[in-house]
Amino acid sequence: MERLMEKFGSNELTPHGMVNAFLNDSWLKMSPAFNSSLCKKFKVEPLEFNGKDSSYLQQYNNTGNLFMEYIEDYGYFEDVPLDFMKKNIEEHYPHIFKTKKGKTEFKL
């Protein structure tokens, strides 16, 4: 958590990726962001997906403490919204961007 606060100045990350898939006549939300090695590192269980229920949020870690929550839903996009993502990141974390001759560069 300390590294997150140091780099971003916040414990909120924006935007966070989520996938919506239409399966068996219903829309399901899924998060592809945490693979098994990240889950182990952050002490959360990997998400299970049964093909019937959404699978997108590890709300609590392995000790029962709040791990994450979604506080804003940006809606749905048919493709990866790169321009939206860049604008959103620049608005929330302006200190990690620098401008060089009219070009914005990302730095961490």
PDB file of N, CA and C in Angstrom:
ATOM      1  N   MET A   1       0.827  -1.192   0.000  1.00  0.00           N
ATOM      2  CA  MET A   1       0.000   0.000   0.000  1.00  0.00           C
ATOM      3  C   MET A   1       0.873   1.259   0.000  1.00  0.00           C
ATOM      4  N   GLU A   2       2.009   1.181   0.699  1.00  0.00           N
ATOM      5  CA  GLU A   2       2.884   2.356   0.760  1.00  0.00           C
ATOM      6  C   GLU A   2       3.408   2.741  -0.615  1.00  0.00           C
ATOM      7  N   ARG A   3       3.805   1.731  -1.429  1.00  0.00           N
ATOM      8  CA  ARG A   3       4.304   2.021  -2.775  1.00  0.00           C
ATOM      9  C   ARG A   3       3.227   2.646  -3.637  1.00  0.00           C
ATOM     10  N   LEU A   4       2.006   2.181  -3.494  1.00  0.00           N
ATOM     11  CA  LEU A   4       0.882   2.735  -4.241  1.00  0.00           C
ATOM     12  C   LEU A   4       0.691   4.205  -3.892  1.00  0.00           C
ATOM     13  N   MET A   5       0.699   4.509  -2.618  1.00  0.00           N
ATOM     14  CA  MET A   5       0.544   5.895  -2.176  1.00  0.00           C
ATOM     15  C   MET A   5       1.723   6.748  -2.649  1.00  0.00           C
ATOM     16  N   GLU A   6       2.913   6.180  -2.606  1.00  0.00           N
ATOM     17  CA  GLU A   6       4.102   6.927  -3.024  1.00  0.00           C
ATOM     18  C   GLU A   6       4.049   7.267  -4.515  1.00  0.00           C
ATOM     19  N   LYS A   7       3.689   6.317  -5.347  1.00  0.00           N
ATOM     20  CA  LYS A   7       3.675   6.521  -6.804  1.00  0.00           C
ATOM     21  C   LYS A   7       2.490   7.351  -7.274  1.00  0.00           C
ATOM     22  N   PHE A   8       1.304   7.054  -6.744  1.00  0.00           N
ATOM     23  CA  PHE A   8       0.085   7.668  -7.270  1.00  0.00           C
ATOM     24  C   PHE A   8      -0.500   8.747  -6.376  1.00  0.00           C
ATOM     25  N   GLY A   9      -0.026   8.829  -5.139  1.00  0.00           N
ATOM     26  CA  GLY A   9      -0.568   9.827  -4.229  1.00  0.00           C
ATOM     27  C   GLY A   9      -1.969   9.492  -3.769  1.00  0.00           C
ATOM     28  N   SER A  10      -2.368   8.239  -3.942  1.00  0.00           N
ATOM     29  CA  SER A  10      -3.716   7.802  -3.607  1.00  0.00           C
ATOM     30  C   SER A  10      -3.726   6.286  -3.499  1.00  0.00           C
ATOM     31  N   ASN A  11      -4.708   5.758  -2.779  1.00  0.00           N
ATOM     32  CA  ASN A  11      -4.878   4.310  -2.771  1.00  0.00           C
ATOM     33  C   ASN A  11      -5.986   3.895  -3.738  1.00  0.00           C
ATOM     34  N   GLU A  12      -6.417   4.830  -4.579  1.00  0.00           N
ATOM     35  CA  GLU A  12      -7.409   4.547  -5.611  1.00  0.00           C
ATOM     36  C   GLU A  12      -6.725   4.448  -6.959  1.00  0.00           C
ATOM     37  N   LEU A  13      -7.010   3.383  -7.689  1.00  0.00           N
ATOM     38  CA  LEU A  13      -6.484   3.215  -9.034  1.00  0.00           C
ATOM     39  C   LEU A  13      -7.604   3.434 -10.037  1.00  0.00           C
ATOM     40  N   THR A  14      -7.301   4.175 -11.062  1.00  0.00           N
ATOM     41  CA  THR A  14      -8.278   4.450 -12.102  1.00  0.00           C
ATOM     42  C   THR A  14      -7.594   4.474 -13.446  1.00  0.00           C
ATOM     43  N   PRO A  15      -8.179   4.011 -14.476  1.00  0.00           N
ATOM     44  CA  PRO A  15      -9.292   3.067 -14.475  1.00  0.00           C
ATOM     45  C   PRO A  15      -8.777   1.643 -14.270  1.00  0.00           C
ATOM     46  N   HIS A  16      -9.653   0.759 -13.903  1.00  0.00           N
ATOM     47  CA  HIS A  16      -9.317  -0.644 -13.702  1.00  0.00           C
ATOM     48  C   HIS A  16     -10.041  -1.446 -14.770  1.00  0.00           C
ATOM     49  N   GLY A  17      -9.344  -2.360 -15.392  1.00  0.00           N
ATOM     50  CA  GLY A  17      -9.933  -3.125 -16.482  1.00  0.00           C
ATOM     51  C   GLY A  17     -10.912  -4.181 -16.027  1.00  0.00           C
ATOM     52  N   MET A  18     -11.969  -4.300 -16.802  1.00  0.00           N
ATOM     53  CA  MET A  18     -12.974  -5.317 -16.581  1.00  0.00           C
ATOM     54  C   MET A  18     -13.494  -5.715 -17.961  1.00  0.00           C
ATOM     55  N   VAL A  19     -13.848  -6.948 -18.120  1.00  0.00           N
ATOM     56  CA  VAL A  19     -14.361  -7.445 -19.387  1.00  0.00           C
ATOM     57  C   VAL A  19     -15.817  -7.826 -19.195  1.00  0.00           C
ATOM     58  N   ASN A  20     -16.640  -7.462 -20.153  1.00  0.00           N
ATOM     59  CA  ASN A  20     -18.036  -7.888 -20.158  1.00  0.00           C
ATOM     60  C   ASN A  20     -18.198  -8.886 -21.296  1.00  0.00           C
ATOM     61  N   ALA A  21     -18.787 -10.031 -20.996  1.00  0.00           N
ATOM     62  CA  ALA A  21     -18.979 -11.059 -22.012  1.00  0.00           C
ATOM     63  C   ALA A  21     -20.430 -11.521 -21.999  1.00  0.00           C
ATOM     64  N   PHE A  22     -20.973 -11.747 -23.185  1.00  0.00           N
ATOM     65  CA  PHE A  22     -22.342 -12.240 -23.312  1.00  0.00           C
ATOM     66  C   PHE A  22     -22.278 -13.755 -23.449  1.00  0.00           C
ATOM     67  N   LEU A  23     -22.669 -14.465 -22.384  1.00  0.00           N
ATOM     68  CA  LEU A  23     -22.640 -15.922 -22.363  1.00  0.00           C
ATOM     69  C   LEU A  23     -23.984 -16.463 -21.908  1.00  0.00           C
ATOM     70  N   ASN A  24     -24.467 -17.449 -22.598  1.00  0.00           N
ATOM     71  CA  ASN A  24     -25.715 -18.116 -22.206  1.00  0.00           C
ATOM     72  C   ASN A  24     -26.834 -17.114 -21.945  1.00  0.00           C
ATOM     73  N   ASP A  25     -27.014 -16.169 -22.862  1.00  0.00           N
ATOM     74  CA  ASP A  25     -28.097 -15.181 -22.818  1.00  0.00           C
ATOM     75  C   ASP A  25     -28.010 -14.181 -21.678  1.00  0.00           C
ATOM     76  N   SER A  26     -26.832 -13.956 -21.109  1.00  0.00           N
ATOM     77  CA  SER A  26     -26.693 -12.913 -20.092  1.00  0.00           C
ATOM     78  C   SER A  26     -25.293 -12.299 -20.147  1.00  0.00           C
ATOM     79  N   TRP A  27     -25.221 -11.042 -19.691  1.00  0.00           N
ATOM     80  CA  TRP A  27     -23.949 -10.336 -19.634  1.00  0.00           C
ATOM     81  C   TRP A  27     -23.285 -10.614 -18.295  1.00  0.00           C
ATOM     82  N   LEU A  28     -22.002 -10.981 -18.336  1.00  0.00           N
ATOM     83  CA  LEU A  28     -21.235 -11.262 -17.130  1.00  0.00           C
ATOM     84  C   LEU A  28     -20.017 -10.345 -17.081  1.00  0.00           C
ATOM     85  N   LYS A  29     -19.653  -9.903 -15.881  1.00  0.00           N
ATOM     86  CA  LYS A  29     -18.465  -9.078 -15.678  1.00  0.00           C
ATOM     87  C   LYS A  29     -17.329  -9.975 -15.198  1.00  0.00           C
ATOM     88  N   MET A  30     -16.149  -9.742 -15.802  1.00  0.00           N
ATOM     89  CA  MET A  30     -14.975 -10.531 -15.427  1.00  0.00           C
ATOM     90  C   MET A  30     -13.763  -9.610 -15.371  1.00  0.00           C
ATOM     91  N   SER A  31     -12.879  -9.859 -14.430  1.00  0.00           N
ATOM     92  CA  SER A  31     -11.649  -9.080 -14.320  1.00  0.00           C
ATOM     93  C   SER A  31     -10.461  -9.959 -14.695  1.00  0.00           C
ATOM     94  N   PRO A  32      -9.729  -9.576 -15.745  1.00  0.00           N
ATOM     95  CA  PRO A  32      -8.541 -10.335 -16.133  1.00  0.00           C
ATOM     96  C   PRO A  32      -7.269  -9.806 -15.480  1.00  0.00           C
ATOM     97  N   ALA A  33      -7.393  -8.922 -14.486  1.00  0.00           N
ATOM     98  CA  ALA A  33      -6.245  -8.172 -13.990  1.00  0.00           C
ATOM     99  C   ALA A  33      -5.361  -8.938 -13.000  1.00  0.00           C
ATOM    100  N   PHE A  34      -5.883  -9.903 -12.275  1.00  0.00           N
ATOM    101  CA  PHE A  34      -5.096 -10.572 -11.244  1.00  0.00           C
ATOM    102  C   PHE A  34      -4.851 -12.036 -11.601  1.00  0.00           C
ATOM    103  N   ASN A  35      -3.647 -12.318 -12.092  1.00  0.00           N
ATOM    104  CA  ASN A  35      -3.293 -13.707 -12.341  1.00  0.00           C
ATOM    105  C   ASN A  35      -2.884 -14.363 -11.021  1.00  0.00           C
ATOM    106  N   SER A  36      -2.577 -15.642 -11.052  1.00  0.00           N
ATOM    107  CA  SER A  36      -2.322 -16.360  -9.797  1.00  0.00           C
ATOM    108  C   SER A  36      -1.103 -15.829  -9.046  1.00  0.00           C
ATOM    109  N   SER A  37      -0.056 -15.381  -9.762  1.00  0.00           N
ATOM    110  CA  SER A  37       1.122 -14.865  -9.047  1.00  0.00           C
ATOM    111  C   SER A  37       0.817 -13.541  -8.350  1.00  0.00           C
ATOM    112  N   LEU A  38       0.004 -12.670  -8.970  1.00  0.00           N
ATOM    113  CA  LEU A  38      -0.399 -11.431  -8.304  1.00  0.00           C
ATOM    114  C   LEU A  38      -1.297 -11.721  -7.109  1.00  0.00           C
ATOM    115  N   CYS A  39      -2.197 -12.679  -7.262  1.00  0.00           N
ATOM    116  CA  CYS A  39      -3.067 -13.057  -6.142  1.00  0.00           C
ATOM    117  C   CYS A  39      -2.238 -13.525  -4.958  1.00  0.00           C
ATOM    118  N   LYS A  40      -1.243 -14.323  -5.222  1.00  0.00           N
ATOM    119  CA  LYS A  40      -0.367 -14.812  -4.142  1.00  0.00           C
ATOM    120  C   LYS A  40       0.361 -13.645  -3.485  1.00  0.00           C
ATOM    121  N   LYS A  41       0.887 -12.741  -4.300  1.00  0.00           N
ATOM    122  CA  LYS A  41       1.623 -11.583  -3.784  1.00  0.00           C
ATOM    123  C   LYS A  41       0.742 -10.709  -2.889  1.00  0.00           C
ATOM    124  N   PHE A  42      -0.515 -10.498  -3.304  1.00  0.00           N
ATOM    125  CA  PHE A  42      -1.424  -9.625  -2.558  1.00  0.00           C
ATOM    126  C   PHE A  42      -2.286 -10.375  -1.554  1.00  0.00           C
ATOM    127  N   LYS A  43      -2.051 -11.674  -1.437  1.00  0.00           N
ATOM    128  CA  LYS A  43      -2.747 -12.515  -0.459  1.00  0.00           C
ATOM    129  C   LYS A  43      -4.268 -12.485  -0.636  1.00  0.00           C
ATOM    130  N   VAL A  44      -4.687 -12.698  -1.891  1.00  0.00           N
ATOM    131  CA  VAL A  44      -6.105 -12.831  -2.206  1.00  0.00           C
ATOM    132  C   VAL A  44      -6.291 -14.121  -3.003  1.00  0.00           C
ATOM    133  N   GLU A  45      -7.478 -14.658  -2.937  1.00  0.00           N
ATOM    134  CA  GLU A  45      -7.782 -15.868  -3.692  1.00  0.00           C
ATOM    135  C   GLU A  45      -7.981 -15.521  -5.161  1.00  0.00           C
ATOM    136  N   PRO A  46      -7.514 -16.383  -6.070  1.00  0.00           N
ATOM    137  CA  PRO A  46      -7.817 -16.161  -7.491  1.00  0.00           C
ATOM    138  C   PRO A  46      -9.328 -16.209  -7.719  1.00  0.00           C
ATOM    139  N   LEU A  47      -9.790 -15.448  -8.667  1.00  0.00           N
ATOM    140  CA  LEU A  47     -11.217 -15.440  -8.982  1.00  0.00           C
ATOM    141  C   LEU A  47     -11.618 -16.736  -9.673  1.00  0.00           C
ATOM    142  N   GLU A  48     -12.729 -17.265  -9.267  1.00  0.00           N
ATOM    143  CA  GLU A  48     -13.288 -18.453  -9.905  1.00  0.00           C
ATOM    144  C   GLU A  48     -14.304 -17.999 -10.950  1.00  0.00           C
ATOM    145  N   PHE A  49     -14.395 -18.709 -12.050  1.00  0.00           N
ATOM    146  CA  PHE A  49     -15.385 -18.398 -13.078  1.00  0.00           C
ATOM    147  C   PHE A  49     -16.087 -19.674 -13.482  1.00  0.00           C
ATOM    148  N   ASN A  50     -17.410 -19.690 -13.292  1.00  0.00           N
ATOM    149  CA  ASN A  50     -18.180 -20.896 -13.590  1.00  0.00           C
ATOM    150  C   ASN A  50     -18.999 -20.778 -14.874  1.00  0.00           C
ATOM    151  N   GLY A  51     -18.880 -19.657 -15.578  1.00  0.00           N
ATOM    152  CA  GLY A  51     -19.618 -19.476 -16.823  1.00  0.00           C
ATOM    153  C   GLY A  51     -21.054 -19.025 -16.628  1.00  0.00           C
ATOM    154  N   LYS A  52     -21.504 -18.904 -15.353  1.00  0.00           N
ATOM    155  CA  LYS A  52     -22.878 -18.474 -15.071  1.00  0.00           C
ATOM    156  C   LYS A  52     -22.929 -17.177 -14.280  1.00  0.00           C
ATOM    157  N   ASP A  53     -21.899 -16.924 -13.465  1.00  0.00           N
ATOM    158  CA  ASP A  53     -21.896 -15.768 -12.567  1.00  0.00           C
ATOM    159  C   ASP A  53     -20.725 -14.846 -12.886  1.00  0.00           C
ATOM    160  N   SER A  54     -20.903 -13.545 -12.617  1.00  0.00           N
ATOM    161  CA  SER A  54     -19.819 -12.592 -12.791  1.00  0.00           C
ATOM    162  C   SER A  54     -18.657 -12.937 -11.858  1.00  0.00           C
ATOM    163  N   SER A  55     -17.459 -12.579 -12.288  1.00  0.00           N
ATOM    164  CA  SER A  55     -16.254 -12.879 -11.522  1.00  0.00           C
ATOM    165  C   SER A  55     -15.273 -11.734 -11.732  1.00  0.00           C
ATOM    166  N   TYR A  56     -15.389 -10.682 -10.904  1.00  0.00           N
ATOM    167  CA  TYR A  56     -14.593  -9.497 -11.190  1.00  0.00           C
ATOM    168  C   TYR A  56     -14.049  -8.761  -9.978  1.00  0.00           C
ATOM    169  N   LEU A  57     -14.191  -9.274  -8.801  1.00  0.00           N
ATOM    170  CA  LEU A  57     -13.791  -8.477  -7.653  1.00  0.00           C
ATOM    171  C   LEU A  57     -13.383  -9.356  -6.481  1.00  0.00           C
ATOM    172  N   GLN A  58     -12.136  -9.196  -6.028  1.00  0.00           N
ATOM    173  CA  GLN A  58     -11.709  -9.809  -4.775  1.00  0.00           C
ATOM    174  C   GLN A  58     -11.871  -8.739  -3.711  1.00  0.00           C
ATOM    175  N   GLN A  59     -13.040  -8.701  -3.113  1.00  0.00           N
ATOM    176  CA  GLN A  59     -13.338  -7.629  -2.168  1.00  0.00           C
ATOM    177  C   GLN A  59     -12.514  -7.741  -0.893  1.00  0.00           C
ATOM    178  N   TYR A  60     -12.233  -8.963  -0.467  1.00  0.00           N
ATOM    179  CA  TYR A  60     -11.495  -9.172   0.782  1.00  0.00           C
ATOM    180  C   TYR A  60     -10.256 -10.026   0.539  1.00  0.00           C
ATOM    181  N   ASN A  61      -9.226  -9.806   1.347  1.00  0.00           N
ATOM    182  CA  ASN A  61      -8.028 -10.634   1.228  1.00  0.00           C
ATOM    183  C   ASN A  61      -8.200 -11.914   2.048  1.00  0.00           C
ATOM    184  N   ASN A  62      -7.143 -12.714   2.107  1.00  0.00           N
ATOM    185  CA  ASN A  62      -7.219 -14.013   2.780  1.00  0.00           C
ATOM    186  C   ASN A  62      -7.431 -13.922   4.290  1.00  0.00           C
ATOM    187  N   THR A  63      -7.190 -12.741   4.882  1.00  0.00           N
ATOM    188  CA  THR A  63      -7.409 -12.584   6.321  1.00  0.00           C
ATOM    189  C   THR A  63      -8.743 -11.900   6.619  1.00  0.00           C
ATOM    190  N   GLY A  64      -9.537 -11.642   5.572  1.00  0.00           N
ATOM    191  CA  GLY A  64     -10.859 -11.057   5.766  1.00  0.00           C
ATOM    192  C   GLY A  64     -10.899  -9.541   5.757  1.00  0.00           C
ATOM    193  N   ASN A  65      -9.774  -8.894   5.495  1.00  0.00           N
ATOM    194  CA  ASN A  65      -9.749  -7.432   5.431  1.00  0.00           C
ATOM    195  C   ASN A  65     -10.129  -6.940   4.040  1.00  0.00           C
ATOM    196  N   LEU A  66     -10.740  -5.761   3.984  1.00  0.00           N
ATOM    197  CA  LEU A  66     -11.112  -5.165   2.700  1.00  0.00           C
ATOM    198  C   LEU A  66      -9.882  -5.040   1.827  1.00  0.00           C
ATOM    199  N   PHE A  67      -9.955  -5.582   0.624  1.00  0.00           N
ATOM    200  CA  PHE A  67      -8.838  -5.532  -0.309  1.00  0.00           C
ATOM    201  C   PHE A  67      -9.096  -4.519  -1.419  1.00  0.00           C
ATOM    202  N   MET A  68     -10.298  -4.547  -1.995  1.00  0.00           N
ATOM    203  CA  MET A  68     -10.599  -3.639  -3.093  1.00  0.00           C
ATOM    204  C   MET A  68     -12.101  -3.463  -3.221  1.00  0.00           C
ATOM    205  N   GLU A  69     -12.469  -2.319  -3.784  1.00  0.00           N
ATOM    206  CA  GLU A  69     -13.864  -2.074  -4.126  1.00  0.00           C
ATOM    207  C   GLU A  69     -13.902  -1.175  -5.348  1.00  0.00           C
ATOM    208  N   TYR A  70     -14.904  -1.357  -6.162  1.00  0.00           N
ATOM    209  CA  TYR A  70     -15.105  -0.466  -7.293  1.00  0.00           C
ATOM    210  C   TYR A  70     -15.952   0.699  -6.816  1.00  0.00           C
ATOM    211  N   ILE A  71     -15.467   1.914  -7.004  1.00  0.00           N
ATOM    212  CA  ILE A  71     -16.209   3.079  -6.537  1.00  0.00           C
ATOM    213  C   ILE A  71     -16.811   3.880  -7.679  1.00  0.00           C
ATOM    214  N   GLU A  72     -16.429   3.543  -8.915  1.00  0.00           N
ATOM    215  CA  GLU A  72     -17.018   4.224 -10.062  1.00  0.00           C
ATOM    216  C   GLU A  72     -17.054   3.264 -11.247  1.00  0.00           C
ATOM    217  N   ASP A  73     -18.153   3.259 -11.957  1.00  0.00           N
ATOM    218  CA  ASP A  73     -18.313   2.444 -13.156  1.00  0.00           C
ATOM    219  C   ASP A  73     -18.318   3.397 -14.341  1.00  0.00           C
ATOM    220  N   TYR A  74     -17.380   3.235 -15.241  1.00  0.00           N
ATOM    221  CA  TYR A  74     -17.243   4.130 -16.382  1.00  0.00           C
ATOM    222  C   TYR A  74     -18.083   3.704 -17.586  1.00  0.00           C
ATOM    223  N   GLY A  75     -18.847   2.671 -17.435  1.00  0.00           N
ATOM    224  CA  GLY A  75     -19.696   2.218 -18.542  1.00  0.00           C
ATOM    225  C   GLY A  75     -19.015   1.155 -19.383  1.00  0.00           C
ATOM    226  N   TYR A  76     -19.561   0.964 -20.580  1.00  0.00           N
ATOM    227  CA  TYR A  76     -19.114  -0.103 -21.464  1.00  0.00           C
ATOM    228  C   TYR A  76     -18.490   0.484 -22.721  1.00  0.00           C
ATOM    229  N   PHE A  77     -17.498  -0.200 -23.239  1.00  0.00           N
ATOM    230  CA  PHE A  77     -16.820   0.218 -24.459  1.00  0.00           C
ATOM    231  C   PHE A  77     -16.702  -0.991 -25.380  1.00  0.00           C
ATOM    232  N   GLU A  78     -16.864  -0.772 -26.674  1.00  0.00           N
ATOM    233  CA  GLU A  78     -16.759  -1.884 -27.621  1.00  0.00           C
ATOM    234  C   GLU A  78     -15.315  -2.276 -27.895  1.00  0.00           C
ATOM    235  N   ASP A  79     -14.397  -1.372 -27.601  1.00  0.00           N
ATOM    236  CA  ASP A  79     -12.975  -1.641 -27.788  1.00  0.00           C
ATOM    237  C   ASP A  79     -12.224  -0.983 -26.634  1.00  0.00           C
ATOM    238  N   VAL A  80     -10.959  -1.259 -26.501  1.00  0.00           N
ATOM    239  CA  VAL A  80     -10.163  -0.658 -25.439  1.00  0.00           C
ATOM    240  C   VAL A  80     -10.159   0.858 -25.645  1.00  0.00           C
ATOM    241  N   PRO A  81     -10.676   1.627 -24.683  1.00  0.00           N
ATOM    242  CA  PRO A  81     -10.809   3.080 -24.845  1.00  0.00           C
ATOM    243  C   PRO A  81      -9.524   3.824 -24.464  1.00  0.00           C
ATOM    244  N   LEU A  82      -8.506   3.706 -25.292  1.00  0.00           N
ATOM    245  CA  LEU A  82      -7.190   4.249 -24.953  1.00  0.00           C
ATOM    246  C   LEU A  82      -7.218   5.751 -24.684  1.00  0.00           C
ATOM    247  N   ASP A  83      -7.917   6.524 -25.504  1.00  0.00           N
ATOM    248  CA  ASP A  83      -7.975   7.970 -25.277  1.00  0.00           C
ATOM    249  C   ASP A  83      -8.640   8.288 -23.941  1.00  0.00           C
ATOM    250  N   PHE A  84      -9.743   7.608 -23.638  1.00  0.00           N
ATOM    251  CA  PHE A  84     -10.432   7.799 -22.358  1.00  0.00           C
ATOM    252  C   PHE A  84      -9.508   7.435 -21.194  1.00  0.00           C
ATOM    253  N   MET A  85      -8.805   6.313 -21.322  1.00  0.00           N
ATOM    254  CA  MET A  85      -7.923   5.855 -20.256  1.00  0.00           C
ATOM    255  C   MET A  85      -6.798   6.860 -20.016  1.00  0.00           C
ATOM    256  N   LYS A  86      -6.200   7.343 -21.076  1.00  0.00           N
ATOM    257  CA  LYS A  86      -5.118   8.316 -20.938  1.00  0.00           C
ATOM    258  C   LYS A  86      -5.610   9.593 -20.267  1.00  0.00           C
ATOM    259  N   LYS A  87      -6.757  10.110 -20.724  1.00  0.00           N
ATOM    260  CA  LYS A  87      -7.324  11.329 -20.135  1.00  0.00           C
ATOM    261  C   LYS A  87      -7.637  11.112 -18.650  1.00  0.00           C
ATOM    262  N   ASN A  88      -8.221   9.983 -18.335  1.00  0.00           N
ATOM    263  CA  ASN A  88      -8.584   9.652 -16.961  1.00  0.00           C
ATOM    264  C   ASN A  88      -7.353   9.577 -16.073  1.00  0.00           C
ATOM    265  N   ILE A  89      -6.304   8.925 -16.534  1.00  0.00           N
ATOM    266  CA  ILE A  89      -5.076   8.801 -15.755  1.00  0.00           C
ATOM    267  C   ILE A  89      -4.421  10.163 -15.571  1.00  0.00           C
ATOM    268  N   GLU A  90      -4.380  10.959 -16.640  1.00  0.00           N
ATOM    269  CA  GLU A  90      -3.785  12.298 -16.536  1.00  0.00           C
ATOM    270  C   GLU A  90      -4.537  13.169 -15.529  1.00  0.00           C
ATOM    271  N   GLU A  91      -5.875  13.044 -15.483  1.00  0.00           N
ATOM    272  CA  GLU A  91      -6.676  13.830 -14.541  1.00  0.00           C
ATOM    273  C   GLU A  91      -6.446  13.397 -13.102  1.00  0.00           C
ATOM    274  N   HIS A  92      -6.340  12.105 -12.862  1.00  0.00           N
ATOM    275  CA  HIS A  92      -6.206  11.587 -11.505  1.00  0.00           C
ATOM    276  C   HIS A  92      -4.768  11.591 -10.981  1.00  0.00           C
ATOM    277  N   TYR A  93      -3.797  11.462 -11.878  1.00  0.00           N
ATOM    278  CA  TYR A  93      -2.392  11.379 -11.470  1.00  0.00           C
ATOM    279  C   TYR A  93      -1.530  12.320 -12.312  1.00  0.00           C
ATOM    280  N   PRO A  94      -1.789  13.617 -12.276  1.00  0.00           N
ATOM    281  CA  PRO A  94      -1.031  14.538 -13.140  1.00  0.00           C
ATOM    282  C   PRO A  94       0.467  14.550 -12.844  1.00  0.00           C
ATOM    283  N   HIS A  95       0.858  14.211 -11.630  1.00  0.00           N
ATOM    284  CA  HIS A  95       2.267  14.245 -11.247  1.00  0.00           C
ATOM    285  C   HIS A  95       3.109  13.156 -11.903  1.00  0.00           C
ATOM    286  N   ILE A  96       2.487  12.134 -12.496  1.00  0.00           N
ATOM    287  CA  ILE A  96       3.281  11.097 -13.142  1.00  0.00           C
ATOM    288  C   ILE A  96       3.431  11.340 -14.644  1.00  0.00           C
ATOM    289  N   PHE A  97       2.936  12.467 -15.114  1.00  0.00           N
ATOM    290  CA  PHE A  97       3.103  12.835 -16.518  1.00  0.00           C
ATOM    291  C   PHE A  97       3.991  14.061 -16.615  1.00  0.00           C
ATOM    292  N   LYS A  98       4.804  14.106 -17.631  1.00  0.00           N
ATOM    293  CA  LYS A  98       5.583  15.300 -17.889  1.00  0.00           C
ATOM    294  C   LYS A  98       5.416  15.663 -19.360  1.00  0.00           C
ATOM    295  N   THR A  99       5.521  16.923 -19.674  1.00  0.00           N
ATOM    296  CA  THR A  99       5.368  17.374 -21.042  1.00  0.00           C
ATOM    297  C   THR A  99       6.732  17.752 -21.604  1.00  0.00           C
ATOM    298  N   LYS A 100       7.018  17.250 -22.779  1.00  0.00           N
ATOM    299  CA  LYS A 100       8.277  17.539 -23.449  1.00  0.00           C
ATOM    300  C   LYS A 100       7.959  17.960 -24.876  1.00  0.00           C
ATOM    301  N   LYS A 101       8.155  19.231 -25.175  1.00  0.00           N
ATOM    302  CA  LYS A 101       7.909  19.775 -26.510  1.00  0.00           C
ATOM    303  C   LYS A 101       6.521  19.413 -27.017  1.00  0.00           C
ATOM    304  N   GLY A 102       5.515  19.635 -26.181  1.00  0.00           N
ATOM    305  CA  GLY A 102       4.129  19.403 -26.595  1.00  0.00           C
ATOM    306  C   GLY A 102       3.669  17.957 -26.523  1.00  0.00           C
ATOM    307  N   LYS A 103       4.572  17.051 -26.159  1.00  0.00           N
ATOM    308  CA  LYS A 103       4.199  15.632 -26.042  1.00  0.00           C
ATOM    309  C   LYS A 103       4.108  15.259 -24.579  1.00  0.00           C
ATOM    310  N   THR A 104       3.095  14.494 -24.239  1.00  0.00           N
ATOM    311  CA  THR A 104       2.941  14.010 -22.881  1.00  0.00           C
ATOM    312  C   THR A 104       3.625  12.665 -22.754  1.00  0.00           C
ATOM    313  N   GLU A 105       4.454  12.510 -21.743  1.00  0.00           N
ATOM    314  CA  GLU A 105       5.135  11.253 -21.500  1.00  0.00           C
ATOM    315  C   GLU A 105       4.752  10.726 -20.136  1.00  0.00           C
ATOM    316  N   PHE A 106       4.612   9.423 -20.059  1.00  0.00           N
ATOM    317  CA  PHE A 106       4.259   8.768 -18.812  1.00  0.00           C
ATOM    318  C   PHE A 106       5.554   8.399 -18.097  1.00  0.00           C
ATOM    319  N   LYS A 107       5.630   8.668 -16.799  1.00  0.00           N
ATOM    320  CA  LYS A 107       6.814   8.291 -16.032  1.00  0.00           C
ATOM    321  C   LYS A 107       6.407   7.719 -14.677  1.00  0.00           C
ATOM    322  N   LEU A 108       7.010   6.630 -14.331  1.00  0.00           N
ATOM    323  CA  LEU A 108       6.823   6.024 -13.014  1.00  0.00           C
ATOM    324  C   LEU A 108       8.164   5.731 -12.402  1.00  0.00           C
TER     325      LEU A 108
END
